N, C-alpha and C. Protein backbone atom coordinates (compact mmCIF):
# COMPACT_ATOMS: atom_id res chain seq x y z
N MET A 1 0.94 -5.17 24.79
CA MET A 1 0.34 -4.83 23.50
C MET A 1 -0.64 -3.68 23.71
N MET A 2 -0.56 -2.69 22.88
CA MET A 2 -1.39 -1.51 23.03
C MET A 2 -2.67 -1.65 22.20
N ASP A 3 -3.82 -1.35 22.81
CA ASP A 3 -5.09 -1.35 22.08
C ASP A 3 -5.28 0.02 21.42
N PHE A 4 -5.83 0.02 20.24
CA PHE A 4 -6.17 1.27 19.57
C PHE A 4 -7.36 1.04 18.68
N ASP A 5 -8.04 2.11 18.37
CA ASP A 5 -9.22 2.03 17.50
C ASP A 5 -8.79 1.86 16.06
N LEU A 6 -9.62 1.19 15.29
CA LEU A 6 -9.37 1.02 13.86
C LEU A 6 -9.30 2.39 13.20
N ILE A 7 -8.26 2.60 12.44
CA ILE A 7 -8.08 3.88 11.77
C ILE A 7 -8.58 3.75 10.35
N ASP A 8 -9.61 4.49 9.99
CA ASP A 8 -10.15 4.42 8.63
C ASP A 8 -9.34 5.26 7.66
N ASP A 9 -8.83 6.38 8.13
CA ASP A 9 -8.13 7.29 7.23
C ASP A 9 -6.91 7.83 7.95
N LEU A 10 -5.75 7.24 7.69
CA LEU A 10 -4.53 7.70 8.33
C LEU A 10 -4.26 9.14 7.93
N GLU A 11 -3.65 9.88 8.82
CA GLU A 11 -3.36 11.28 8.53
C GLU A 11 -2.07 11.40 7.74
N LEU A 12 -2.02 10.70 6.64
CA LEU A 12 -0.92 10.77 5.70
C LEU A 12 -1.52 11.12 4.35
N PRO A 13 -0.73 11.75 3.48
CA PRO A 13 -1.31 12.13 2.19
C PRO A 13 -1.74 10.90 1.39
N HIS A 14 -2.94 10.94 0.91
CA HIS A 14 -3.44 9.86 0.04
C HIS A 14 -3.30 10.34 -1.39
N ILE A 15 -2.13 10.16 -1.91
CA ILE A 15 -1.77 10.73 -3.20
C ILE A 15 -2.67 10.25 -4.32
N HIS A 16 -3.16 9.02 -4.23
CA HIS A 16 -3.96 8.47 -5.32
C HIS A 16 -5.21 9.28 -5.60
N GLU A 17 -5.68 10.06 -4.64
CA GLU A 17 -6.87 10.89 -4.86
C GLU A 17 -6.59 12.00 -5.87
N ASP A 18 -5.32 12.37 -6.04
CA ASP A 18 -4.95 13.45 -6.95
C ASP A 18 -4.63 12.96 -8.36
N LEU A 19 -4.74 11.67 -8.60
CA LEU A 19 -4.32 11.12 -9.90
C LEU A 19 -5.11 11.68 -11.07
N ASN A 20 -6.34 12.10 -10.85
CA ASN A 20 -7.18 12.58 -11.93
C ASN A 20 -7.00 14.07 -12.22
N GLU A 21 -6.04 14.72 -11.59
CA GLU A 21 -5.87 16.16 -11.77
C GLU A 21 -5.26 16.54 -13.11
N GLY A 22 -4.57 15.64 -13.76
CA GLY A 22 -3.98 15.97 -15.05
C GLY A 22 -2.79 15.11 -15.36
N GLU A 23 -2.50 15.02 -16.64
CA GLU A 23 -1.42 14.15 -17.09
C GLU A 23 -0.05 14.64 -16.65
N GLU A 24 0.11 15.94 -16.38
CA GLU A 24 1.42 16.46 -15.99
C GLU A 24 1.88 15.87 -14.66
N ASN A 25 0.95 15.31 -13.88
CA ASN A 25 1.30 14.73 -12.59
C ASN A 25 1.50 13.22 -12.65
N ASP A 26 1.32 12.60 -13.82
CA ASP A 26 1.40 11.15 -13.93
C ASP A 26 2.73 10.60 -13.42
N GLU A 27 3.84 11.22 -13.80
CA GLU A 27 5.16 10.74 -13.37
C GLU A 27 5.28 10.81 -11.86
N GLN A 28 4.83 11.89 -11.28
CA GLN A 28 4.94 12.10 -9.84
C GLN A 28 4.16 11.05 -9.06
N PHE A 29 3.04 10.58 -9.59
CA PHE A 29 2.17 9.70 -8.84
C PHE A 29 2.30 8.23 -9.25
N GLU A 30 3.33 7.90 -9.97
CA GLU A 30 3.55 6.52 -10.35
C GLU A 30 4.16 5.76 -9.17
N ILE A 31 3.62 4.57 -8.90
CA ILE A 31 4.16 3.76 -7.80
C ILE A 31 5.50 3.19 -8.23
N LYS A 32 6.52 3.43 -7.43
CA LYS A 32 7.84 2.89 -7.71
C LYS A 32 7.98 1.50 -7.11
N LYS A 33 7.48 1.31 -5.88
CA LYS A 33 7.64 0.02 -5.21
C LYS A 33 6.64 -0.10 -4.08
N ILE A 34 6.11 -1.32 -3.91
CA ILE A 34 5.31 -1.64 -2.73
C ILE A 34 6.30 -2.15 -1.69
N LEU A 35 6.43 -1.42 -0.59
CA LEU A 35 7.44 -1.77 0.40
C LEU A 35 6.99 -2.91 1.30
N THR A 36 5.80 -2.81 1.85
CA THR A 36 5.31 -3.87 2.72
C THR A 36 3.80 -3.76 2.87
N LYS A 37 3.20 -4.81 3.35
CA LYS A 37 1.77 -4.83 3.65
C LYS A 37 1.64 -5.04 5.15
N PHE A 38 0.72 -4.33 5.76
CA PHE A 38 0.51 -4.51 7.19
C PHE A 38 -0.97 -4.40 7.50
N LYS A 39 -1.34 -4.82 8.69
CA LYS A 39 -2.74 -4.77 9.10
C LYS A 39 -2.88 -3.90 10.34
N LEU A 40 -3.89 -3.04 10.32
CA LEU A 40 -4.29 -2.31 11.51
C LEU A 40 -5.40 -3.11 12.16
N LYS A 41 -5.27 -3.36 13.44
CA LYS A 41 -6.27 -4.18 14.12
C LYS A 41 -6.75 -3.45 15.37
N CYS A 42 -8.09 -3.34 15.50
CA CYS A 42 -8.64 -2.68 16.67
C CYS A 42 -8.90 -3.72 17.77
N SER A 43 -9.19 -3.25 18.96
CA SER A 43 -9.41 -4.14 20.09
C SER A 43 -10.64 -5.02 19.90
N CYS A 44 -11.57 -4.64 19.02
CA CYS A 44 -12.76 -5.45 18.76
C CYS A 44 -12.45 -6.60 17.79
N GLY A 45 -11.25 -6.61 17.21
CA GLY A 45 -10.86 -7.68 16.30
C GLY A 45 -10.96 -7.33 14.83
N GLU A 46 -11.54 -6.19 14.50
CA GLU A 46 -11.66 -5.77 13.10
C GLU A 46 -10.28 -5.38 12.56
N GLU A 47 -10.02 -5.73 11.30
CA GLU A 47 -8.73 -5.46 10.68
C GLU A 47 -8.88 -4.66 9.39
N LYS A 48 -7.86 -3.87 9.08
CA LYS A 48 -7.81 -3.14 7.81
C LYS A 48 -6.40 -3.28 7.26
N SER A 49 -6.27 -3.78 6.03
CA SER A 49 -4.96 -3.97 5.42
C SER A 49 -4.52 -2.72 4.68
N LYS A 50 -3.23 -2.41 4.79
CA LYS A 50 -2.63 -1.25 4.13
C LYS A 50 -1.33 -1.67 3.45
N PHE A 51 -0.97 -0.96 2.39
CA PHE A 51 0.33 -1.11 1.76
C PHE A 51 1.14 0.13 2.13
N TYR A 52 2.41 -0.05 2.42
CA TYR A 52 3.33 1.07 2.56
C TYR A 52 3.96 1.23 1.18
N ILE A 53 3.76 2.38 0.54
CA ILE A 53 4.10 2.60 -0.87
C ILE A 53 5.23 3.62 -1.00
N LEU A 54 6.15 3.33 -1.92
CA LEU A 54 7.16 4.30 -2.32
C LEU A 54 6.76 4.80 -3.71
N TRP A 55 6.55 6.11 -3.83
CA TRP A 55 6.13 6.71 -5.10
C TRP A 55 7.36 7.17 -5.87
N SER A 56 7.21 7.38 -7.17
CA SER A 56 8.34 7.78 -8.01
C SER A 56 8.91 9.15 -7.62
N ASN A 57 8.14 9.96 -6.92
CA ASN A 57 8.66 11.25 -6.45
C ASN A 57 9.36 11.10 -5.09
N ARG A 58 9.60 9.84 -4.66
CA ARG A 58 10.30 9.46 -3.43
C ARG A 58 9.47 9.66 -2.17
N GLU A 59 8.22 10.03 -2.31
CA GLU A 59 7.34 10.16 -1.15
C GLU A 59 6.83 8.78 -0.75
N LYS A 60 6.65 8.59 0.56
CA LYS A 60 6.13 7.32 1.07
C LYS A 60 4.79 7.57 1.75
N THR A 61 3.82 6.72 1.46
CA THR A 61 2.51 6.84 2.09
C THR A 61 1.96 5.46 2.39
N CYS A 62 0.92 5.44 3.21
CA CYS A 62 0.18 4.21 3.48
C CYS A 62 -1.11 4.27 2.69
N GLU A 63 -1.38 3.25 1.91
CA GLU A 63 -2.56 3.23 1.07
C GLU A 63 -3.36 1.96 1.31
N ASP A 64 -4.65 2.05 1.10
CA ASP A 64 -5.55 0.92 1.29
C ASP A 64 -5.14 -0.23 0.36
N PHE A 65 -4.97 -1.41 0.93
CA PHE A 65 -4.53 -2.60 0.19
C PHE A 65 -5.47 -2.92 -0.96
N GLU A 66 -6.77 -2.95 -0.70
CA GLU A 66 -7.75 -3.31 -1.73
C GLU A 66 -7.79 -2.27 -2.85
N PHE A 67 -7.64 -0.98 -2.50
CA PHE A 67 -7.65 0.08 -3.52
C PHE A 67 -6.50 -0.12 -4.51
N ILE A 68 -5.29 -0.33 -3.98
CA ILE A 68 -4.12 -0.50 -4.84
C ILE A 68 -4.24 -1.78 -5.66
N LYS A 69 -4.68 -2.85 -5.03
CA LYS A 69 -4.77 -4.14 -5.71
C LYS A 69 -5.78 -4.11 -6.86
N GLU A 70 -6.83 -3.30 -6.75
CA GLU A 70 -7.88 -3.24 -7.77
C GLU A 70 -7.52 -2.35 -8.95
N GLN A 71 -6.50 -1.53 -8.84
CA GLN A 71 -6.15 -0.60 -9.92
C GLN A 71 -5.47 -1.34 -11.06
N SER A 72 -5.99 -1.20 -12.26
CA SER A 72 -5.41 -1.90 -13.42
C SER A 72 -3.98 -1.44 -13.68
N THR A 73 -3.66 -0.19 -13.39
CA THR A 73 -2.31 0.32 -13.61
C THR A 73 -1.32 -0.21 -12.58
N CYS A 74 -1.80 -0.80 -11.51
CA CYS A 74 -0.92 -1.32 -10.45
C CYS A 74 -0.73 -2.83 -10.55
N LYS A 75 -1.33 -3.45 -11.55
CA LYS A 75 -1.32 -4.92 -11.64
C LYS A 75 0.10 -5.49 -11.64
N GLU A 76 0.97 -4.93 -12.45
CA GLU A 76 2.33 -5.45 -12.57
C GLU A 76 3.10 -5.30 -11.26
N ILE A 77 2.99 -4.15 -10.62
CA ILE A 77 3.74 -3.93 -9.38
C ILE A 77 3.19 -4.78 -8.23
N VAL A 78 1.89 -5.04 -8.23
CA VAL A 78 1.30 -5.92 -7.21
C VAL A 78 1.79 -7.36 -7.44
N GLN A 79 1.85 -7.80 -8.69
CA GLN A 79 2.37 -9.14 -8.99
C GLN A 79 3.82 -9.27 -8.55
N TYR A 80 4.62 -8.24 -8.79
CA TYR A 80 6.02 -8.25 -8.37
C TYR A 80 6.10 -8.36 -6.85
N TRP A 81 5.28 -7.60 -6.13
CA TRP A 81 5.27 -7.66 -4.67
C TRP A 81 4.88 -9.07 -4.20
N GLU A 82 3.86 -9.66 -4.82
CA GLU A 82 3.42 -11.00 -4.43
C GLU A 82 4.53 -12.03 -4.63
N GLN A 83 5.24 -11.94 -5.76
CA GLN A 83 6.34 -12.88 -6.03
C GLN A 83 7.46 -12.71 -5.01
N ARG A 84 7.81 -11.46 -4.72
CA ARG A 84 8.86 -11.18 -3.73
C ARG A 84 8.45 -11.69 -2.36
N HIS A 85 7.19 -11.46 -2.01
CA HIS A 85 6.66 -11.89 -0.71
C HIS A 85 6.69 -13.42 -0.60
N GLU A 86 6.32 -14.11 -1.67
CA GLU A 86 6.34 -15.58 -1.67
C GLU A 86 7.76 -16.11 -1.48
N LYS A 87 8.75 -15.49 -2.15
CA LYS A 87 10.14 -15.92 -2.00
C LYS A 87 10.62 -15.73 -0.56
N ILE A 88 10.30 -14.60 0.03
CA ILE A 88 10.70 -14.33 1.42
C ILE A 88 10.03 -15.31 2.36
N GLN A 89 8.75 -15.57 2.15
CA GLN A 89 8.03 -16.50 3.01
C GLN A 89 8.63 -17.90 2.89
N HIS A 90 9.00 -18.30 1.68
CA HIS A 90 9.62 -19.61 1.46
C HIS A 90 10.94 -19.72 2.23
N LEU A 91 11.75 -18.66 2.20
CA LEU A 91 13.02 -18.66 2.93
C LEU A 91 12.80 -18.72 4.44
N LEU A 92 11.78 -18.05 4.93
CA LEU A 92 11.48 -18.07 6.37
C LEU A 92 10.98 -19.43 6.82
N ASP A 93 10.29 -20.13 5.92
CA ASP A 93 9.74 -21.45 6.26
C ASP A 93 10.81 -22.55 6.27
N MET A 94 11.97 -22.28 5.68
CA MET A 94 13.03 -23.31 5.59
C MET A 94 13.63 -23.61 6.95
């Protein structure tokens, strides 16, 4: 197992920062699907949760789990992800 430092800001585009630039970009920055949730863990034991996101413009990025979960516009897609995750977990537990 490889040790690494906790990464606060992955060097991937954080598209959500551009959401306030104008309505013409709304379609481009709409979340199409939450692909998976994962945790970055440093050797000291600290963890940071991230979502791997597929955007409507087909771009994929890693976004902060709490940021996405707190957005009112993401409520429906987060609920869909939670339901899907629960079904998968139930099948794995069988």
